[in-house]
């Protein structure tokens, strides 16, 4: 979500970090993950993420990641986390909208969640 529109704002990185911590608490409260670790993870994977969301790779990357997340019980929490990051810069970009719709469709969730 942070890189999908081609820009990274501090608000987006903060929202990503908050979402990671919130999801940690709902998925596995014993998981060792701090806000600093989440930011470090993003910094360490930034180039890999950019490569994987190029137009020629985008659809396959999104489908593969969403399928990996099938095991997570709290998919609504994932959708809300994505939405929060998408809206953190004040604009839901078309590319973010597309990702949110793909997530809802892949997981059989109501598109009204992201409307």
Protein backbone atom coordinates (compact mmCIF):
# COMPACT_ATOMS: atom_id res chain seq x y z
CA UNK A 1 0.00 0.00 0.00
CA UNK A 2 2.74 2.43 0.93
CA UNK A 3 4.60 2.13 -2.37
CA UNK A 4 1.71 1.28 -4.65
CA UNK A 5 1.06 4.89 -5.66
CA UNK A 6 4.77 5.55 -6.20
CA UNK A 7 5.18 7.88 -3.22
CA UNK A 8 5.99 7.36 0.45
CA UNK A 9 4.76 9.88 2.99
CA UNK A 10 5.64 9.81 6.67
CA UNK A 11 1.91 9.45 7.46
CA UNK A 12 1.78 6.28 5.36
CA UNK A 13 4.80 4.78 7.08
CA UNK A 14 3.29 5.64 10.48
CA UNK A 15 -0.04 4.06 9.46
CA UNK A 16 1.80 0.95 8.21
CA UNK A 17 3.64 0.68 11.51
CA UNK A 18 0.46 1.11 13.56
CA UNK A 19 -1.33 -1.46 11.39
CA UNK A 20 1.52 -3.97 11.82
CA UNK A 21 1.36 -3.62 15.60
CA UNK A 22 -2.44 -3.83 15.65
CA UNK A 23 -2.43 -6.94 13.48
CA UNK A 24 0.30 -8.47 15.63
CA UNK A 25 -1.94 -8.02 18.65
CA UNK A 26 -4.91 -9.70 16.96
CA UNK A 27 -2.99 -12.50 15.19
CA UNK A 28 -0.34 -13.40 17.77
CA UNK A 29 0.15 -11.12 20.78
CA UNK A 30 3.31 -13.06 21.72
CA UNK A 31 4.99 -12.28 18.40
CA UNK A 32 8.07 -10.12 18.91
CA UNK A 33 7.40 -7.10 16.69
CA UNK A 34 7.98 -3.49 17.60
CA UNK A 35 7.22 -0.34 15.65
CA UNK A 36 10.93 0.08 15.00
CA UNK A 37 11.15 -3.49 13.65
CA UNK A 38 8.21 -2.86 11.31
CA UNK A 39 9.89 0.28 9.93
CA UNK A 40 13.18 -1.59 9.55
CA UNK A 41 11.37 -4.39 7.69
CA UNK A 42 9.89 -1.86 5.26
CA UNK A 43 13.25 -0.18 4.69
CA UNK A 44 14.94 -3.52 4.10
CA UNK A 45 12.29 -4.73 1.64
CA UNK A 46 11.53 -1.48 -0.18
CA UNK A 47 13.41 -2.29 -3.40
CA UNK A 48 12.02 -5.83 -3.52
CA UNK A 49 8.50 -4.46 -3.10
CA UNK A 50 9.04 -1.87 -5.83
CA UNK A 51 10.23 -4.58 -8.20
CA UNK A 52 7.30 -6.87 -7.40
CA UNK A 53 4.66 -4.18 -8.05
CA UNK A 54 5.92 -3.16 -11.49
CA UNK A 55 3.04 -3.29 -13.98
CA UNK A 56 4.35 -6.52 -15.52
CA UNK A 57 4.41 -8.26 -12.10
CA UNK A 58 1.58 -6.52 -10.24
CA UNK A 59 -1.34 -8.95 -10.75
CA UNK A 60 0.71 -12.04 -9.93
CA UNK A 61 2.29 -10.42 -6.88
CA UNK A 62 -1.04 -9.28 -5.46
CA UNK A 63 -2.71 -12.65 -6.02
CA UNK A 64 0.23 -14.55 -4.50
CA UNK A 65 0.32 -12.35 -1.38
CA UNK A 66 -3.45 -12.40 -0.89
CA UNK A 67 -3.46 -16.21 -1.21
CA UNK A 68 -0.69 -16.42 1.42
CA UNK A 69 -2.88 -14.37 3.76
CA UNK A 70 -5.80 -16.81 3.34
CA UNK A 71 -4.67 -18.46 6.58
CA UNK A 72 -5.26 -15.29 8.62
CA UNK A 73 -8.61 -15.45 10.42
CA UNK A 74 -9.10 -11.70 10.81
CA UNK A 75 -9.35 -10.73 7.14
CA UNK A 76 -11.61 -7.81 7.98
CA UNK A 77 -8.80 -6.50 10.19
CA UNK A 78 -6.42 -6.84 7.23
CA UNK A 79 -8.84 -4.94 4.98
CA UNK A 80 -9.19 -2.15 7.54
CA UNK A 81 -5.41 -2.00 7.98
CA UNK A 82 -4.97 -1.66 4.20
CA UNK A 83 -7.69 0.97 4.08
CA UNK A 84 -6.12 2.93 6.94
CA UNK A 85 -2.74 2.98 5.18
CA UNK A 86 -4.41 3.90 1.88
CA UNK A 87 -6.20 6.86 3.46
CA UNK A 88 -3.30 8.03 5.64
CA UNK A 89 -2.12 10.56 3.04
CA UNK A 90 -5.66 11.90 2.63
CA UNK A 91 -6.28 10.31 -0.79
CA UNK A 92 -7.36 6.81 -1.82
CA UNK A 93 -5.44 6.46 -5.09
CA UNK A 94 -6.79 4.31 -7.96
CA UNK A 95 -3.98 1.79 -7.46
CA UNK A 96 -4.85 1.50 -3.76
CA UNK A 97 -8.53 1.14 -4.65
CA UNK A 98 -7.62 -1.67 -7.06
CA UNK A 99 -5.67 -3.51 -4.37
CA UNK A 100 -8.50 -3.16 -1.84
CA UNK A 101 -11.01 -4.51 -4.37
CA UNK A 102 -8.70 -7.42 -5.21
CA UNK A 103 -8.42 -8.28 -1.52
CA UNK A 104 -12.19 -8.22 -1.04
CA UNK A 105 -12.82 -10.29 -4.15
CA UNK A 106 -10.10 -12.84 -3.33
CA UNK A 107 -11.37 -13.32 0.20
CA UNK A 108 -15.08 -13.20 -0.70
CA UNK A 109 -15.70 -10.06 1.33
CA UNK A 110 -18.23 -7.32 0.69
CA UNK A 111 -16.82 -4.52 -1.46
CA UNK A 112 -18.82 -2.07 0.67
CA UNK A 113 -16.05 -2.45 3.26
CA UNK A 114 -13.77 -0.38 1.03
CA UNK A 115 -16.28 1.90 -0.67
